[in-house]
């Protein structure tokens, strides 16, 4: 990437990464609410998702995810575990349920999603670099 384009491309990558994490959380909540016949309403999804969104935001801050948002380790792991761990604590404080099976499902689903998209992104980037013969750095002809 040319030096002048580095900022906008990097910002886009951070925004896309954050949206992918949010999408994982919203999918988890929508599927869960639907499978338990709670209804997938905007209010219902908001009430159920806010603890996990807050946990993921804390994970983004703690892991400085904006520096390398697609890194599986440590960023993905920090965001995932913060999302679930902080999310469950906030659910308890808000009077929402945290049954053991729910914690396990949250860990598996959100881990698969949040670590999965990062793994796929890294695999795709590695394959693209291998095909083009580049090592990921920008070189000039001067």
N, C-alpha and C. Protein backbone atom coordinates (compact mmCIF):
# COMPACT_ATOMS: atom_id res chain seq x y z
N UNK A 1 0.85 -1.17 0.00
CA UNK A 1 0.00 0.00 0.00
C UNK A 1 0.90 1.23 0.00
N UNK A 2 0.66 2.19 -0.88
CA UNK A 2 1.45 3.42 -0.89
C UNK A 2 1.30 4.18 0.42
N UNK A 3 2.35 4.91 0.83
CA UNK A 3 2.30 5.62 2.10
C UNK A 3 1.09 6.53 2.26
N UNK A 4 0.65 7.20 1.23
CA UNK A 4 -0.49 8.11 1.32
C UNK A 4 -1.82 7.42 1.58
N UNK A 5 -1.90 6.13 1.24
CA UNK A 5 -3.15 5.39 1.40
C UNK A 5 -3.19 4.55 2.67
N UNK A 6 -2.10 4.52 3.41
CA UNK A 6 -2.01 3.64 4.58
C UNK A 6 -3.07 3.95 5.62
N UNK A 7 -3.31 5.23 5.91
CA UNK A 7 -4.26 5.61 6.96
C UNK A 7 -5.68 5.20 6.66
N UNK A 8 -6.16 5.47 5.46
CA UNK A 8 -7.54 5.15 5.13
C UNK A 8 -7.77 3.64 5.03
N UNK A 9 -6.81 2.91 4.48
CA UNK A 9 -6.94 1.46 4.39
C UNK A 9 -6.91 0.81 5.75
N UNK A 10 -6.07 1.32 6.63
CA UNK A 10 -5.97 0.79 7.99
C UNK A 10 -7.25 1.05 8.77
N UNK A 11 -7.77 2.25 8.64
CA UNK A 11 -9.02 2.60 9.32
C UNK A 11 -10.16 1.71 8.83
N UNK A 12 -10.22 1.49 7.55
CA UNK A 12 -11.25 0.61 6.99
C UNK A 12 -11.12 -0.80 7.57
N UNK A 13 -9.90 -1.30 7.69
CA UNK A 13 -9.68 -2.62 8.26
C UNK A 13 -10.14 -2.70 9.70
N UNK A 14 -9.91 -1.66 10.46
CA UNK A 14 -10.34 -1.63 11.86
C UNK A 14 -11.87 -1.60 11.93
N UNK A 15 -12.49 -0.80 11.11
CA UNK A 15 -13.96 -0.71 11.10
C UNK A 15 -14.58 -2.04 10.69
N UNK A 16 -14.04 -2.66 9.66
CA UNK A 16 -14.55 -3.95 9.21
C UNK A 16 -14.39 -5.00 10.30
N UNK A 17 -13.24 -5.01 10.97
CA UNK A 17 -13.00 -5.97 12.05
C UNK A 17 -14.01 -5.77 13.19
N UNK A 18 -14.24 -4.53 13.57
CA UNK A 18 -15.21 -4.24 14.64
C UNK A 18 -16.61 -4.68 14.22
N UNK A 19 -16.97 -4.42 12.98
CA UNK A 19 -18.29 -4.83 12.48
C UNK A 19 -18.42 -6.35 12.43
N UNK A 20 -17.36 -7.05 12.11
CA UNK A 20 -17.41 -8.51 12.11
C UNK A 20 -17.61 -9.05 13.53
N UNK A 21 -16.93 -8.45 14.50
CA UNK A 21 -17.12 -8.87 15.90
C UNK A 21 -18.56 -8.58 16.35
N UNK A 22 -19.06 -7.40 16.03
CA UNK A 22 -20.44 -7.05 16.39
C UNK A 22 -21.41 -8.00 15.71
N UNK A 23 -21.14 -8.34 14.46
CA UNK A 23 -22.02 -9.27 13.73
C UNK A 23 -22.06 -10.63 14.39
N UNK A 24 -20.92 -11.10 14.88
CA UNK A 24 -20.89 -12.39 15.59
C UNK A 24 -21.78 -12.34 16.82
N UNK A 25 -21.69 -11.25 17.56
CA UNK A 25 -22.49 -11.10 18.78
C UNK A 25 -23.97 -11.02 18.44
N UNK A 26 -24.32 -10.22 17.45
CA UNK A 26 -25.74 -10.08 17.07
C UNK A 26 -26.30 -11.39 16.52
N UNK A 27 -25.50 -12.14 15.78
CA UNK A 27 -25.96 -13.44 15.28
C UNK A 27 -26.20 -14.39 16.44
N UNK A 28 -25.28 -14.43 17.40
CA UNK A 28 -25.42 -15.27 18.59
C UNK A 28 -26.72 -14.92 19.33
N UNK A 29 -26.94 -13.66 19.54
CA UNK A 29 -28.13 -13.21 20.27
C UNK A 29 -29.41 -13.52 19.49
N UNK A 30 -29.43 -13.22 18.20
CA UNK A 30 -30.63 -13.45 17.40
C UNK A 30 -30.97 -14.94 17.32
N UNK A 31 -29.95 -15.77 17.11
CA UNK A 31 -30.20 -17.21 17.05
C UNK A 31 -30.69 -17.72 18.40
N UNK A 32 -30.07 -17.27 19.46
CA UNK A 32 -30.47 -17.69 20.80
C UNK A 32 -31.89 -17.26 21.14
N UNK A 33 -32.22 -16.03 20.85
CA UNK A 33 -33.57 -15.54 21.14
C UNK A 33 -34.60 -16.29 20.30
N UNK A 34 -34.26 -16.56 19.06
CA UNK A 34 -35.18 -17.27 18.19
C UNK A 34 -35.38 -18.71 18.64
N UNK A 35 -34.30 -19.38 19.02
CA UNK A 35 -34.41 -20.79 19.42
C UNK A 35 -35.13 -20.97 20.75
N UNK A 36 -35.18 -19.91 21.55
CA UNK A 36 -35.88 -19.99 22.84
C UNK A 36 -37.22 -19.26 22.81
N UNK A 37 -37.70 -18.97 21.61
CA UNK A 37 -39.01 -18.34 21.39
C UNK A 37 -39.17 -17.02 22.15
N UNK A 38 -38.06 -16.25 22.25
CA UNK A 38 -38.15 -14.94 22.88
C UNK A 38 -38.45 -13.85 21.87
N UNK A 39 -38.37 -14.16 20.61
CA UNK A 39 -38.63 -13.18 19.56
C UNK A 39 -37.38 -12.36 19.25
N UNK A 40 -37.23 -12.09 17.97
CA UNK A 40 -36.09 -11.30 17.52
C UNK A 40 -36.58 -9.89 17.22
N UNK A 41 -36.71 -9.10 18.29
CA UNK A 41 -37.12 -7.71 18.15
C UNK A 41 -35.91 -6.83 18.42
N UNK A 42 -35.96 -5.60 17.97
CA UNK A 42 -34.85 -4.69 18.19
C UNK A 42 -34.60 -4.52 19.69
N UNK A 43 -35.65 -4.32 20.45
CA UNK A 43 -35.50 -4.14 21.89
C UNK A 43 -34.95 -5.40 22.55
N UNK A 44 -35.49 -6.55 22.18
CA UNK A 44 -35.01 -7.81 22.75
C UNK A 44 -33.56 -8.07 22.45
N UNK A 45 -33.17 -7.84 21.21
CA UNK A 45 -31.77 -8.04 20.81
C UNK A 45 -30.87 -7.05 21.55
N UNK A 46 -31.32 -5.82 21.69
CA UNK A 46 -30.52 -4.81 22.40
C UNK A 46 -30.33 -5.18 23.87
N UNK A 47 -31.41 -5.62 24.51
CA UNK A 47 -31.33 -5.99 25.93
C UNK A 47 -30.40 -7.19 26.14
N UNK A 48 -30.45 -8.14 25.23
CA UNK A 48 -29.64 -9.35 25.37
C UNK A 48 -28.19 -9.11 24.93
N UNK A 49 -27.98 -8.27 23.96
CA UNK A 49 -26.64 -8.12 23.39
C UNK A 49 -25.75 -7.10 24.10
N UNK A 50 -26.33 -6.12 24.80
CA UNK A 50 -25.48 -5.05 25.33
C UNK A 50 -24.37 -5.55 26.26
N UNK A 51 -24.60 -6.56 27.10
CA UNK A 51 -23.47 -6.99 27.94
C UNK A 51 -22.30 -7.56 27.12
N UNK A 52 -22.62 -8.27 26.06
CA UNK A 52 -21.58 -8.86 25.23
C UNK A 52 -20.88 -7.78 24.38
N UNK A 53 -21.64 -6.82 23.90
CA UNK A 53 -21.05 -5.72 23.15
C UNK A 53 -20.12 -4.90 24.04
N UNK A 54 -20.54 -4.67 25.29
CA UNK A 54 -19.69 -3.94 26.24
C UNK A 54 -18.42 -4.74 26.53
N UNK A 55 -18.57 -6.04 26.71
CA UNK A 55 -17.41 -6.89 26.96
C UNK A 55 -16.45 -6.89 25.79
N UNK A 56 -16.99 -6.95 24.58
CA UNK A 56 -16.13 -6.92 23.39
C UNK A 56 -15.43 -5.57 23.27
N UNK A 57 -16.13 -4.49 23.58
CA UNK A 57 -15.51 -3.15 23.52
C UNK A 57 -14.37 -3.06 24.53
N UNK A 58 -14.58 -3.61 25.72
CA UNK A 58 -13.52 -3.63 26.73
C UNK A 58 -12.34 -4.47 26.23
N UNK A 59 -12.64 -5.59 25.58
CA UNK A 59 -11.60 -6.43 25.01
C UNK A 59 -10.82 -5.72 23.92
N UNK A 60 -11.53 -4.95 23.09
CA UNK A 60 -10.86 -4.17 22.05
C UNK A 60 -9.89 -3.18 22.68
N UNK A 61 -10.34 -2.53 23.76
CA UNK A 61 -9.48 -1.55 24.44
C UNK A 61 -8.30 -2.24 25.13
N UNK A 62 -8.58 -3.30 25.87
CA UNK A 62 -7.53 -4.00 26.61
C UNK A 62 -6.51 -4.63 25.68
N UNK A 63 -6.96 -5.16 24.56
CA UNK A 63 -6.06 -5.81 23.61
C UNK A 63 -5.49 -4.88 22.57
N UNK A 64 -5.87 -3.59 22.64
CA UNK A 64 -5.45 -2.60 21.63
C UNK A 64 -5.70 -3.15 20.23
N UNK A 65 -6.91 -3.61 20.04
CA UNK A 65 -7.26 -4.32 18.82
C UNK A 65 -7.09 -3.49 17.55
N UNK A 66 -7.17 -2.20 17.67
CA UNK A 66 -7.02 -1.34 16.48
C UNK A 66 -5.63 -1.46 15.88
N UNK A 67 -4.65 -1.92 16.65
CA UNK A 67 -3.28 -2.05 16.14
C UNK A 67 -3.14 -3.22 15.16
N UNK A 68 -3.84 -4.30 15.43
CA UNK A 68 -3.78 -5.49 14.58
C UNK A 68 -5.10 -6.25 14.74
N UNK A 69 -6.18 -5.68 14.21
CA UNK A 69 -7.51 -6.22 14.50
C UNK A 69 -7.77 -7.64 14.00
N UNK A 70 -7.02 -8.10 13.01
CA UNK A 70 -7.26 -9.44 12.48
C UNK A 70 -6.36 -10.50 13.12
N UNK A 71 -5.54 -10.11 14.09
CA UNK A 71 -4.67 -11.09 14.75
C UNK A 71 -5.51 -12.03 15.62
N UNK A 72 -5.33 -13.32 15.40
CA UNK A 72 -6.05 -14.31 16.21
C UNK A 72 -5.53 -14.26 17.64
N UNK A 73 -4.19 -14.27 17.78
CA UNK A 73 -3.54 -14.19 19.08
C UNK A 73 -2.64 -12.96 19.07
N UNK A 74 -2.72 -12.11 20.03
CA UNK A 74 -3.56 -12.15 21.22
C UNK A 74 -4.91 -11.46 21.05
N UNK A 75 -5.05 -10.62 20.02
CA UNK A 75 -6.23 -9.76 19.91
C UNK A 75 -7.53 -10.55 19.90
N UNK A 76 -7.66 -11.50 19.01
CA UNK A 76 -8.90 -12.26 18.92
C UNK A 76 -9.26 -12.95 20.22
N UNK A 77 -8.27 -13.55 20.85
CA UNK A 77 -8.51 -14.26 22.11
C UNK A 77 -8.93 -13.29 23.20
N UNK A 78 -8.28 -12.14 23.29
CA UNK A 78 -8.63 -11.15 24.31
C UNK A 78 -10.05 -10.63 24.09
N UNK A 79 -10.38 -10.29 22.85
CA UNK A 79 -11.72 -9.77 22.55
C UNK A 79 -12.78 -10.83 22.85
N UNK A 80 -12.54 -12.06 22.43
CA UNK A 80 -13.49 -13.16 22.65
C UNK A 80 -13.72 -13.42 24.14
N UNK A 81 -12.64 -13.62 24.89
CA UNK A 81 -12.80 -13.94 26.31
C UNK A 81 -13.36 -12.77 27.10
N UNK A 82 -13.02 -11.56 26.73
CA UNK A 82 -13.59 -10.39 27.38
C UNK A 82 -15.07 -10.27 27.05
N UNK A 83 -15.41 -10.51 25.80
CA UNK A 83 -16.81 -10.47 25.38
C UNK A 83 -17.65 -11.41 26.23
N UNK A 84 -17.20 -12.64 26.37
CA UNK A 84 -17.97 -13.64 27.12
C UNK A 84 -17.84 -13.41 28.62
N UNK A 85 -16.64 -13.22 29.13
CA UNK A 85 -16.44 -13.07 30.57
C UNK A 85 -17.11 -11.83 31.13
N UNK A 86 -16.81 -10.69 30.55
CA UNK A 86 -17.43 -9.44 31.01
C UNK A 86 -18.93 -9.47 30.72
N UNK A 87 -19.28 -10.02 29.55
CA UNK A 87 -20.69 -10.12 29.20
C UNK A 87 -21.49 -10.89 30.23
N UNK A 88 -20.95 -12.00 30.72
CA UNK A 88 -21.66 -12.80 31.73
C UNK A 88 -21.75 -12.07 33.06
N UNK A 89 -20.68 -11.38 33.45
CA UNK A 89 -20.73 -10.60 34.69
C UNK A 89 -21.79 -9.51 34.59
N UNK A 90 -21.83 -8.82 33.48
CA UNK A 90 -22.83 -7.76 33.29
C UNK A 90 -24.24 -8.34 33.25
N UNK A 91 -24.40 -9.52 32.68
CA UNK A 91 -25.72 -10.17 32.69
C UNK A 91 -26.17 -10.46 34.11
N UNK A 92 -25.26 -10.94 34.95
CA UNK A 92 -25.60 -11.21 36.35
C UNK A 92 -26.01 -9.90 37.04
N UNK A 93 -25.22 -8.85 36.84
CA UNK A 93 -25.53 -7.56 37.46
C UNK A 93 -26.85 -6.98 36.98
N UNK A 94 -27.23 -7.32 35.75
CA UNK A 94 -28.48 -6.82 35.17
C UNK A 94 -29.67 -7.75 35.46
N UNK A 95 -29.41 -8.83 36.20
CA UNK A 95 -30.49 -9.76 36.53
C UNK A 95 -30.87 -10.71 35.41
N UNK A 96 -29.97 -10.91 34.45
CA UNK A 96 -30.21 -11.85 33.36
C UNK A 96 -29.55 -13.18 33.69
N UNK A 97 -29.95 -14.23 33.01
CA UNK A 97 -29.47 -15.57 33.31
C UNK A 97 -28.07 -15.87 32.80
N UNK A 98 -27.39 -16.78 33.52
CA UNK A 98 -26.06 -17.23 33.12
C UNK A 98 -25.90 -18.72 33.42
N UNK A 99 -26.84 -19.51 32.97
CA UNK A 99 -26.75 -20.96 33.19
C UNK A 99 -25.45 -21.49 32.59
N UNK A 100 -24.92 -22.55 33.18
CA UNK A 100 -23.65 -23.13 32.72
C UNK A 100 -23.69 -23.47 31.23
N UNK A 101 -24.80 -24.05 30.78
CA UNK A 101 -24.91 -24.41 29.36
C UNK A 101 -24.86 -23.16 28.48
N UNK A 102 -25.44 -22.07 28.95
CA UNK A 102 -25.42 -20.82 28.20
C UNK A 102 -24.00 -20.28 28.08
N UNK A 103 -23.23 -20.37 29.16
CA UNK A 103 -21.84 -19.92 29.13
C UNK A 103 -21.04 -20.74 28.13
N UNK A 104 -21.25 -22.05 28.13
CA UNK A 104 -20.53 -22.93 27.20
C UNK A 104 -20.91 -22.60 25.76
N UNK A 105 -22.19 -22.45 25.50
CA UNK A 105 -22.64 -22.12 24.14
C UNK A 105 -22.07 -20.77 23.70
N UNK A 106 -22.07 -19.80 24.60
CA UNK A 106 -21.51 -18.49 24.27
C UNK A 106 -20.03 -18.60 23.95
N UNK A 107 -19.29 -19.34 24.76
CA UNK A 107 -17.86 -19.52 24.50
C UNK A 107 -17.61 -20.17 23.14
N UNK A 108 -18.36 -21.21 22.84
CA UNK A 108 -18.15 -21.94 21.59
C UNK A 108 -18.59 -21.10 20.38
N UNK A 109 -19.79 -20.55 20.44
CA UNK A 109 -20.30 -19.80 19.29
C UNK A 109 -19.47 -18.55 19.04
N UNK A 110 -19.27 -17.74 20.08
CA UNK A 110 -18.54 -16.49 19.89
C UNK A 110 -17.06 -16.75 19.60
N UNK A 111 -16.50 -17.80 20.19
CA UNK A 111 -15.11 -18.16 19.87
C UNK A 111 -14.98 -18.58 18.42
N UNK A 112 -15.91 -19.41 17.96
CA UNK A 112 -15.88 -19.84 16.56
C UNK A 112 -16.00 -18.65 15.62
N UNK A 113 -16.89 -17.75 15.93
CA UNK A 113 -17.10 -16.59 15.07
C UNK A 113 -15.96 -15.59 15.13
N UNK A 114 -15.60 -15.17 16.34
CA UNK A 114 -14.59 -14.11 16.48
C UNK A 114 -13.18 -14.57 16.14
N UNK A 115 -12.87 -15.81 16.47
CA UNK A 115 -11.55 -16.32 16.10
C UNK A 115 -11.58 -16.84 14.67
N UNK A 116 -12.73 -17.36 14.25
CA UNK A 116 -12.87 -17.92 12.91
C UNK A 116 -12.68 -16.91 11.81
N UNK A 117 -13.32 -15.74 11.91
CA UNK A 117 -13.16 -14.75 10.83
C UNK A 117 -11.72 -14.26 10.77
N UNK A 118 -11.08 -14.16 11.93
CA UNK A 118 -9.68 -13.71 11.96
C UNK A 118 -8.78 -14.76 11.29
N UNK A 119 -9.02 -16.03 11.61
CA UNK A 119 -8.23 -17.09 11.01
C UNK A 119 -8.40 -17.09 9.49
N UNK A 120 -9.65 -16.98 9.04
CA UNK A 120 -9.92 -16.95 7.60
C UNK A 120 -9.26 -15.74 6.94
N UNK A 121 -9.32 -14.59 7.59
CA UNK A 121 -8.69 -13.38 7.03
C UNK A 121 -7.19 -13.57 6.91
N UNK A 122 -6.58 -14.15 7.93
CA UNK A 122 -5.13 -14.38 7.89
C UNK A 122 -4.76 -15.41 6.82
N UNK A 123 -5.56 -16.45 6.69
CA UNK A 123 -5.29 -17.45 5.66
C UNK A 123 -5.42 -16.84 4.27
N UNK A 124 -6.45 -16.04 4.06
CA UNK A 124 -6.64 -15.38 2.78
C UNK A 124 -5.51 -14.42 2.46
N UNK A 125 -5.08 -13.66 3.45
CA UNK A 125 -3.98 -12.71 3.23
C UNK A 125 -2.68 -13.45 2.92
N UNK A 126 -2.42 -14.54 3.61
CA UNK A 126 -1.20 -15.32 3.37
C UNK A 126 -1.21 -15.92 1.97
N UNK A 127 -2.37 -16.42 1.56
CA UNK A 127 -2.46 -17.00 0.21
C UNK A 127 -2.28 -15.93 -0.85
N UNK A 128 -2.86 -14.75 -0.63
CA UNK A 128 -2.72 -13.66 -1.59
C UNK A 128 -1.26 -13.23 -1.70
N UNK A 129 -0.57 -13.13 -0.56
CA UNK A 129 0.85 -12.76 -0.58
C UNK A 129 1.68 -13.83 -1.29
N UNK A 130 1.36 -15.09 -1.04
CA UNK A 130 2.11 -16.17 -1.68
C UNK A 130 1.91 -16.16 -3.19
N UNK A 131 0.69 -15.90 -3.63
CA UNK A 131 0.41 -15.87 -5.07
C UNK A 131 1.11 -14.71 -5.76
N UNK A 132 1.19 -13.57 -5.07
CA UNK A 132 1.78 -12.40 -5.71
C UNK A 132 3.29 -12.32 -5.49
N UNK A 133 3.80 -13.18 -4.63
CA UNK A 133 5.24 -13.16 -4.36
C UNK A 133 5.67 -12.03 -3.47
N UNK A 134 4.74 -11.39 -2.80
CA UNK A 134 5.06 -10.27 -1.91
C UNK A 134 5.12 -10.75 -0.47
N UNK A 135 5.90 -10.04 0.31
CA UNK A 135 5.98 -10.38 1.72
C UNK A 135 5.19 -9.41 2.59
N UNK A 136 4.37 -8.59 1.95
CA UNK A 136 3.50 -7.70 2.70
C UNK A 136 4.07 -6.31 2.93
N UNK A 137 5.28 -6.02 2.44
CA UNK A 137 5.84 -4.69 2.63
C UNK A 137 5.75 -3.91 1.33
N UNK A 138 5.77 -2.60 1.47
CA UNK A 138 5.67 -1.71 0.32
C UNK A 138 7.08 -1.28 -0.12
N UNK A 139 7.36 -1.48 -1.38
CA UNK A 139 8.66 -1.11 -1.92
C UNK A 139 8.48 -0.05 -2.99
N UNK A 140 9.48 0.83 -3.09
CA UNK A 140 9.47 1.83 -4.16
C UNK A 140 10.60 1.51 -5.12
N UNK A 141 10.55 2.06 -6.31
CA UNK A 141 11.58 1.82 -7.32
C UNK A 141 12.76 2.77 -7.18
N UNK A 142 12.73 3.67 -6.23
CA UNK A 142 13.82 4.66 -6.13
C UNK A 142 15.03 4.15 -5.43
